[in-house]
Protein backbone atom coordinates (compact mmCIF):
# COMPACT_ATOMS: atom_id res chain seq x y z
CA MET A 1 -55.43 -47.18 -21.10
CA GLY A 2 -58.66 -48.63 -19.77
CA ASN A 3 -58.89 -51.02 -16.87
CA ALA A 4 -61.10 -54.09 -16.67
CA GLY A 5 -64.47 -53.23 -15.17
CA GLN A 6 -64.15 -49.53 -16.01
CA ALA A 7 -65.61 -49.33 -19.51
CA ASN A 8 -68.08 -46.70 -18.31
CA TYR A 9 -65.24 -44.51 -16.99
CA ALA A 10 -63.17 -44.92 -20.16
CA ALA A 11 -66.15 -44.07 -22.37
CA ALA A 12 -67.03 -41.00 -20.31
CA LYS A 13 -63.44 -39.74 -20.39
CA ALA A 14 -63.18 -40.26 -24.16
CA GLY A 15 -66.47 -38.42 -24.57
CA LEU A 16 -65.20 -35.43 -22.60
CA LEU A 17 -62.01 -35.26 -24.65
CA GLY A 18 -63.99 -35.41 -27.89
CA MET A 19 -66.42 -32.79 -26.64
CA THR A 20 -63.49 -30.52 -25.73
CA ARG A 21 -62.15 -30.68 -29.27
CA SER A 22 -65.57 -30.25 -30.88
CA LEU A 23 -66.44 -27.24 -28.74
CA ALA A 24 -63.03 -25.69 -29.43
CA ARG A 25 -63.78 -25.85 -33.17
CA GLU A 26 -67.32 -24.53 -32.71
CA VAL A 27 -66.45 -21.45 -30.68
CA GLY A 28 -62.89 -20.72 -31.80
CA SER A 29 -64.07 -18.20 -34.40
CA ARG A 30 -65.40 -16.14 -31.48
CA ASN A 31 -61.98 -16.16 -29.79
CA ILE A 32 -63.18 -18.57 -27.10
CA THR A 33 -60.84 -21.32 -25.98
CA VAL A 34 -61.94 -24.72 -24.70
CA ASN A 35 -59.55 -27.08 -22.94
CA ALA A 36 -59.67 -30.00 -20.52
CA ILE A 37 -57.61 -30.86 -17.46
CA ALA A 38 -56.81 -34.54 -16.87
CA PRO A 39 -55.65 -34.84 -13.27
CA GLY A 40 -53.62 -37.70 -11.91
CA PHE A 41 -53.81 -38.87 -8.31
CA ILE A 42 -54.70 -35.79 -6.25
CA ALA A 43 -54.75 -35.49 -2.45
CA THR A 44 -58.48 -35.40 -1.68
CA ASP A 45 -60.88 -36.97 0.79
CA MET A 46 -60.96 -39.99 -1.52
CA THR A 47 -57.18 -40.52 -1.44
CA ASP A 48 -57.10 -39.72 2.29
CA ALA A 49 -59.13 -42.91 2.79
CA LEU A 50 -56.33 -45.05 1.29
CA ASP A 51 -54.10 -47.06 3.58
CA ASP A 52 -50.31 -46.64 3.48
CA ASN A 53 -49.80 -49.58 1.10
CA GLN A 54 -52.36 -48.25 -1.37
CA ARG A 55 -50.88 -44.75 -1.21
CA GLU A 56 -47.36 -46.11 -1.77
CA ALA A 57 -48.58 -48.11 -4.78
CA LEU A 58 -50.04 -44.95 -6.33
CA THR A 59 -47.00 -42.80 -5.73
CA ALA A 60 -44.67 -45.54 -7.00
CA GLN A 61 -46.39 -45.26 -10.41
CA THR A 62 -45.80 -41.50 -10.56
CA PRO A 63 -42.36 -40.19 -11.59
CA LEU A 64 -42.65 -37.27 -9.13
CA GLN A 65 -43.30 -39.85 -6.37
CA ARG A 66 -46.14 -37.93 -4.71
CA LEU A 67 -49.81 -37.19 -4.95
CA GLY A 68 -50.75 -33.91 -6.55
CA GLU A 69 -52.39 -31.15 -4.58
CA PRO A 70 -55.65 -29.41 -5.49
CA GLU A 71 -53.54 -26.28 -5.97
CA ASP A 72 -51.68 -28.05 -8.81
CA ILE A 73 -54.96 -28.38 -10.69
CA ALA A 74 -56.00 -24.82 -9.84
CA ALA A 75 -52.69 -23.47 -11.19
CA ALA A 76 -53.24 -25.29 -14.50
CA VAL A 77 -56.76 -23.89 -14.80
CA CYS A 78 -55.50 -20.38 -14.01
CA PHE A 79 -52.81 -20.69 -16.68
CA LEU A 80 -55.25 -21.84 -19.35
CA ALA A 81 -57.62 -19.00 -18.42
CA SER A 82 -54.82 -16.41 -18.49
CA ALA A 83 -53.33 -14.46 -21.38
CA GLY A 84 -50.56 -17.08 -21.43
CA GLY A 85 -53.10 -19.70 -22.48
CA SER A 86 -54.90 -17.56 -25.04
CA TYR A 87 -53.54 -19.51 -28.04
CA ILE A 88 -54.23 -22.94 -26.56
CA THR A 89 -57.52 -24.59 -27.48
CA GLY A 90 -58.85 -28.09 -27.97
CA GLU A 91 -56.14 -29.52 -25.73
CA THR A 92 -56.08 -31.82 -22.74
CA LEU A 93 -53.52 -30.80 -20.14
CA ASN A 94 -52.35 -33.80 -18.14
CA VAL A 95 -51.54 -32.67 -14.59
CA ASN A 96 -50.36 -35.97 -13.19
CA GLY A 97 -46.77 -35.83 -11.99
CA GLY A 98 -45.65 -37.74 -15.08
CA LEU A 99 -48.03 -40.67 -14.56
CA LEU A 100 -48.96 -40.72 -18.25
CA MET A 101 -45.34 -41.61 -19.09
CA SER A 102 -45.31 -44.60 -16.75
């Protein structure tokens, strides 16, 4: 769901998801998969700048009650690039600790 003042972000995200699906159709016949990762709140320099109240507000929205780690995103990318992900294409994998359900 979009937030007020973030129409540009929402449009860019929707564009990336549409591009993922379009590219998956275009190159699927060549046995190439195309997927997207949609990360939730990840521990980065940006989230390190948050104060305790802001950090608590973010984690309270997430069923796993924590920020993700960069390694969580890397593991998802590795899975999609592995033989285990070879029949997955045109998908968006939400790596967000359950935030999408909230």
